[in-house]
C-alpha cells in the first residue's frame, strides 16, 4: 500500500513522495509521481467577468448585451460554433486548464470582441497591466470599481 509522505507544489506541478512497502520498497525508498495542470481560479473568472463588463460598457450594450452572464453564454455559443473542439469540446471555463483558458480568452478578445463587435479592449488591458504592476492585494474588480 502506498503512503504519501510529502507533497510539494511548485508552478502547477505536484511532486508526491510515496512509500511503497507493499511492492517490496522499504522505508526510505521514494517514488516521485504526478504532474497536473491547474484549472483556472475564481479570481481569473472574476477578471474575465470584469472584462465582459468593460465590453458591455464599451459597445456590447448597443448590440443588446446587458449582463455578463448573457455575454458569457453568447461567447460560449460562438466558440462552440466557430471553434468546435478547440477549447475542450463544449466550452466550460470551470473545466478549462490554464493554457486552454488563456487561448480561449485571447481568441474571444481578438476575434469576437475586436473583430466582430469592434470593441477597443486596449484600455481594459492597460488598466489590468497597471493593476498587476501595482502589486496590490486588492481584487481587480474592487480596484477598478467594477460591478459584474
C-alpha atoms as a PDB file:
ATOM      1  CA  UNK A   1       0.000   0.000   0.000  1.00  0.00           C
ATOM      2  CA  UNK A   2       1.278   3.434  -0.910  1.00  0.00           C
ATOM      3  CA  UNK A   3       1.516   6.063   1.746  1.00  0.00           C
ATOM      4  CA  UNK A   4       2.051   9.712   0.862  1.00  0.00           C
ATOM      5  CA  UNK A   5       4.977  11.008   2.863  1.00  0.00           C
ATOM      6  CA  UNK A   6       5.324  14.526   1.479  1.00  0.00           C
ATOM      7  CA  UNK A   7       3.682  16.662  -1.214  1.00  0.00           C
ATOM      8  CA  UNK A   8       5.320  19.752  -2.696  1.00  0.00           C
ATOM      9  CA  UNK A   9       3.637  22.137  -5.164  1.00  0.00           C
ATOM     10  CA  UNK A  10       5.616  24.398  -7.456  1.00  0.00           C
ATOM     11  CA  UNK A  11       4.321  26.214 -10.554  1.00  0.00           C
ATOM     12  CA  UNK A  12       1.386  23.866 -11.105  1.00  0.00           C
ATOM     13  CA  UNK A  13       3.485  20.737 -10.650  1.00  0.00           C
ATOM     14  CA  UNK A  14       2.826  18.494  -7.688  1.00  0.00           C
ATOM     15  CA  UNK A  15       5.629  16.289  -6.540  1.00  0.00           C
ATOM     16  CA  UNK A  16       4.484  13.478  -4.319  1.00  0.00           C
ATOM     17  CA  UNK A  17       6.870  11.285  -2.380  1.00  0.00           C
ATOM     18  CA  UNK A  18       5.350   7.880  -1.621  1.00  0.00           C
ATOM     19  CA  UNK A  19       6.434   4.864   0.367  1.00  0.00           C
ATOM     20  CA  UNK A  20       5.523   1.600  -1.343  1.00  0.00           C
ATOM     21  CA  UNK A  21       6.135  -1.178   1.201  1.00  0.00           C
ATOM     22  CA  UNK A  22       3.536  -3.456  -0.382  1.00  0.00           C
ATOM     23  CA  UNK A  23       5.556  -3.923  -3.559  1.00  0.00           C
ATOM     24  CA  UNK A  24       8.877  -4.503  -1.856  1.00  0.00           C
ATOM     25  CA  UNK A  25      10.128  -0.978  -1.402  1.00  0.00           C
ATOM     26  CA  UNK A  26      11.232  -0.367   2.134  1.00  0.00           C
ATOM     27  CA  UNK A  27      11.127   2.770   4.255  1.00  0.00           C
ATOM     28  CA  UNK A  28      13.499   5.271   2.784  1.00  0.00           C
ATOM     29  CA  UNK A  29      12.711   4.357  -0.827  1.00  0.00           C
ATOM     30  CA  UNK A  30      10.936   7.162  -2.604  1.00  0.00           C
ATOM     31  CA  UNK A  31       8.870   7.366  -5.763  1.00  0.00           C
ATOM     32  CA  UNK A  32       8.123  10.693  -7.427  1.00  0.00           C
ATOM     33  CA  UNK A  33       4.856  10.891  -9.310  1.00  0.00           C
ATOM     34  CA  UNK A  34       2.020  13.029 -10.602  1.00  0.00           C
ATOM     35  CA  UNK A  35       2.158  16.163 -12.678  1.00  0.00           C
ATOM     36  CA  UNK A  36      -1.053  18.051 -13.265  1.00  0.00           C
ATOM     37  CA  UNK A  37      -2.169  21.303 -14.802  1.00  0.00           C
ATOM     38  CA  UNK A  38      -4.213  23.549 -12.570  1.00  0.00           C
ATOM     39  CA  UNK A  39      -7.615  24.793 -13.588  1.00  0.00           C
ATOM     40  CA  UNK A  40      -8.495  28.454 -13.614  1.00  0.00           C
ATOM     41  CA  UNK A  41      -9.129  30.141 -10.293  1.00  0.00           C
ATOM     42  CA  UNK A  42     -12.219  32.024  -9.144  1.00  0.00           C
ATOM     43  CA  UNK A  43     -10.069  35.161  -9.296  1.00  0.00           C
ATOM     44  CA  UNK A  44      -9.316  34.590 -13.000  1.00  0.00           C
ATOM     45  CA  UNK A  45     -13.006  34.002 -13.651  1.00  0.00           C
ATOM     46  CA  UNK A  46     -13.827  37.294 -11.894  1.00  0.00           C
ATOM     47  CA  UNK A  47     -11.318  39.153 -14.073  1.00  0.00           C
ATOM     48  CA  UNK A  48     -12.911  37.616 -17.186  1.00  0.00           C
ATOM     49  CA  UNK A  49     -16.295  38.865 -15.996  1.00  0.00           C
ATOM     50  CA  UNK A  50     -14.792  42.343 -15.391  1.00  0.00           C
ATOM     51  CA  UNK A  51     -13.577  42.159 -18.989  1.00  0.00           C
ATOM     52  CA  UNK A  52     -17.107  41.284 -20.130  1.00  0.00           C
ATOM     53  CA  UNK A  53     -18.476  44.241 -18.125  1.00  0.00           C
ATOM     54  CA  UNK A  54     -15.933  46.525 -19.810  1.00  0.00           C
ATOM     55  CA  UNK A  55     -17.025  45.219 -23.232  1.00  0.00           C
ATOM     56  CA  UNK A  56     -20.700  45.743 -22.370  1.00  0.00           C
ATOM     57  CA  UNK A  57     -19.997  49.336 -21.331  1.00  0.00           C
ATOM     58  CA  UNK A  58     -17.913  49.963 -24.479  1.00  0.00           C
ATOM     59  CA  UNK A  59     -20.157  48.700 -27.250  1.00  0.00           C
ATOM     60  CA  UNK A  60     -21.895  45.412 -26.497  1.00  0.00           C
ATOM     61  CA  UNK A  61     -24.826  47.247 -24.903  1.00  0.00           C
ATOM     62  CA  UNK A  62     -25.625  48.686 -28.326  1.00  0.00           C
ATOM     63  CA  UNK A  63     -25.770  45.078 -29.590  1.00  0.00           C
ATOM     64  CA  UNK A  64     -28.321  44.138 -26.923  1.00  0.00           C
ATOM     65  CA  UNK A  65     -25.976  42.727 -24.271  1.00  0.00           C
ATOM     66  CA  UNK A  66     -26.678  43.937 -20.756  1.00  0.00           C
ATOM     67  CA  UNK A  67     -25.372  41.188 -18.456  1.00  0.00           C
ATOM     68  CA  UNK A  68     -22.034  39.438 -18.092  1.00  0.00           C
ATOM     69  CA  UNK A  69     -23.834  36.106 -17.871  1.00  0.00           C
ATOM     70  CA  UNK A  70     -25.567  36.774 -21.174  1.00  0.00           C
ATOM     71  CA  UNK A  71     -22.309  37.795 -22.835  1.00  0.00           C
ATOM     72  CA  UNK A  72     -20.613  34.688 -21.474  1.00  0.00           C
ATOM     73  CA  UNK A  73     -23.362  32.421 -22.837  1.00  0.00           C
ATOM     74  CA  UNK A  74     -23.150  34.103 -26.258  1.00  0.00           C
ATOM     75  CA  UNK A  75     -19.347  33.838 -26.274  1.00  0.00           C
ATOM     76  CA  UNK A  76     -19.546  30.128 -25.397  1.00  0.00           C
ATOM     77  CA  UNK A  77     -22.102  29.511 -28.161  1.00  0.00           C
ATOM     78  CA  UNK A  78     -19.908  31.422 -30.644  1.00  0.00           C
ATOM     79  CA  UNK A  79     -16.828  29.409 -29.612  1.00  0.00           C
ATOM     80  CA  UNK A  80     -18.686  26.126 -29.963  1.00  0.00           C
ATOM     81  CA  UNK A  81     -19.823  27.137 -33.459  1.00  0.00           C
ATOM     82  CA  UNK A  82     -16.689  28.822 -34.813  1.00  0.00           C
ATOM     83  CA  UNK A  83     -14.031  26.848 -32.915  1.00  0.00           C
ATOM     84  CA  UNK A  84     -15.613  23.441 -32.249  1.00  0.00           C
ATOM     85  CA  UNK A  85     -13.311  21.321 -30.116  1.00  0.00           C
ATOM     86  CA  UNK A  86     -10.594  23.985 -29.767  1.00  0.00           C
ATOM     87  CA  UNK A  87     -11.369  24.561 -26.097  1.00  0.00           C
ATOM     88  CA  UNK A  88     -12.116  21.019 -24.964  1.00  0.00           C
ATOM     89  CA  UNK A  89     -15.452  20.399 -26.641  1.00  0.00           C
ATOM     90  CA  UNK A  90     -18.461  22.134 -25.133  1.00  0.00           C
ATOM     91  CA  UNK A  91     -16.976  25.349 -23.735  1.00  0.00           C
ATOM     92  CA  UNK A  92     -16.919  25.468 -19.938  1.00  0.00           C
ATOM     93  CA  UNK A  93     -14.357  27.741 -18.309  1.00  0.00           C
ATOM     94  CA  UNK A  94     -14.784  25.916 -14.997  1.00  0.00           C
ATOM     95  CA  UNK A  95     -13.289  22.787 -16.589  1.00  0.00           C
ATOM     96  CA  UNK A  96     -10.569  24.565 -18.588  1.00  0.00           C
ATOM     97  CA  UNK A  97      -6.961  24.190 -17.686  1.00  0.00           C
ATOM     98  CA  UNK A  98      -4.992  27.449 -17.587  1.00  0.00           C
ATOM     99  CA  UNK A  99      -3.305  27.167 -21.024  1.00  0.00           C
ATOM    100  CA  UNK A 100      -6.652  26.431 -22.702  1.00  0.00           C
ATOM    101  CA  UNK A 101      -8.295  29.281 -20.773  1.00  0.00           C
ATOM    102  CA  UNK A 102      -5.583  31.690 -21.938  1.00  0.00           C
ATOM    103  CA  UNK A 103      -6.114  30.599 -25.565  1.00  0.00           C
ATOM    104  CA  UNK A 104      -9.894  30.924 -25.109  1.00  0.00           C
ATOM    105  CA  UNK A 105      -9.575  34.469 -23.753  1.00  0.00           C
ATOM    106  CA  UNK A 106      -7.135  35.576 -26.472  1.00  0.00           C
ATOM    107  CA  UNK A 107      -9.468  34.167 -29.131  1.00  0.00           C
ATOM    108  CA  UNK A 108     -12.507  35.870 -27.601  1.00  0.00           C
ATOM    109  CA  UNK A 109     -10.609  39.154 -27.311  1.00  0.00           C
ATOM    110  CA  UNK A 110      -9.215  39.193 -30.855  1.00  0.00           C
ATOM    111  CA  UNK A 111     -11.923  37.500 -32.887  1.00  0.00           C
ATOM    112  CA  UNK A 112     -15.158  38.160 -31.013  1.00  0.00           C
ATOM    113  CA  UNK A 113     -14.694  41.489 -29.228  1.00  0.00           C
ATOM    114  CA  UNK A 114     -12.250  43.306 -31.522  1.00  0.00           C
ATOM    115  CA  UNK A 115     -13.054  41.911 -34.988  1.00  0.00           C
ATOM    116  CA  UNK A 116     -16.783  41.106 -34.730  1.00  0.00           C
ATOM    117  CA  UNK A 117     -18.001  43.633 -32.153  1.00  0.00           C
ATOM    118  CA  UNK A 118     -15.402  46.340 -32.984  1.00  0.00           C
ATOM    119  CA  UNK A 119     -14.561  46.995 -29.328  1.00  0.00           C
ATOM    120  CA  UNK A 120     -11.193  48.503 -28.463  1.00  0.00           C
ATOM    121  CA  UNK A 121     -10.096  46.462 -25.452  1.00  0.00           C
ATOM    122  CA  UNK A 122      -6.677  48.136 -25.149  1.00  0.00           C
ATOM    123  CA  UNK A 123      -7.854  50.370 -22.284  1.00  0.00           C
ATOM    124  CA  UNK A 124      -9.011  47.338 -20.306  1.00  0.00           C
ATOM    125  CA  UNK A 125      -5.650  45.601 -20.861  1.00  0.00           C
ATOM    126  CA  UNK A 126      -3.718  48.764 -19.880  1.00  0.00           C
ATOM    127  CA  UNK A 127      -5.749  49.022 -16.653  1.00  0.00           C
ATOM    128  CA  UNK A 128      -5.241  45.316 -15.978  1.00  0.00           C
ATOM    129  CA  UNK A 129      -1.467  45.630 -16.501  1.00  0.00           C
ATOM    130  CA  UNK A 130      -1.344  48.688 -14.226  1.00  0.00           C
ATOM    131  CA  UNK A 131      -3.191  46.720 -11.521  1.00  0.00           C
ATOM    132  CA  UNK A 132      -0.793  43.767 -11.890  1.00  0.00           C
ATOM    133  CA  UNK A 133       2.240  46.057 -11.769  1.00  0.00           C
ATOM    134  CA  UNK A 134       0.947  47.809  -8.644  1.00  0.00           C
ATOM    135  CA  UNK A 135       1.354  44.627  -6.597  1.00  0.00           C
ATOM    136  CA  UNK A 136      -1.797  45.420  -4.657  1.00  0.00           C
ATOM    137  CA  UNK A 137      -3.642  42.647  -2.886  1.00  0.00           C
ATOM    138  CA  UNK A 138      -6.977  44.323  -3.629  1.00  0.00           C
ATOM    139  CA  UNK A 139      -9.077  42.323  -6.084  1.00  0.00           C
ATOM    140  CA  UNK A 140      -9.115  43.739  -9.618  1.00  0.00           C
ATOM    141  CA  UNK A 141     -12.872  44.280  -9.619  1.00  0.00           C
ATOM    142  CA  UNK A 142     -12.647  46.239  -6.345  1.00  0.00           C
ATOM    143  CA  UNK A 143      -9.604  48.184  -7.570  1.00  0.00           C
ATOM    144  CA  UNK A 144     -11.472  49.129 -10.757  1.00  0.00           C
ATOM    145  CA  UNK A 145     -14.792  49.669  -9.007  1.00  0.00           C
ATOM    146  CA  UNK A 146     -16.427  47.213 -11.396  1.00  0.00           C
ATOM    147  CA  UNK A 147     -19.726  45.539 -10.662  1.00  0.00           C
ATOM    148  CA  UNK A 148     -20.169  42.277 -12.501  1.00  0.00           C
END
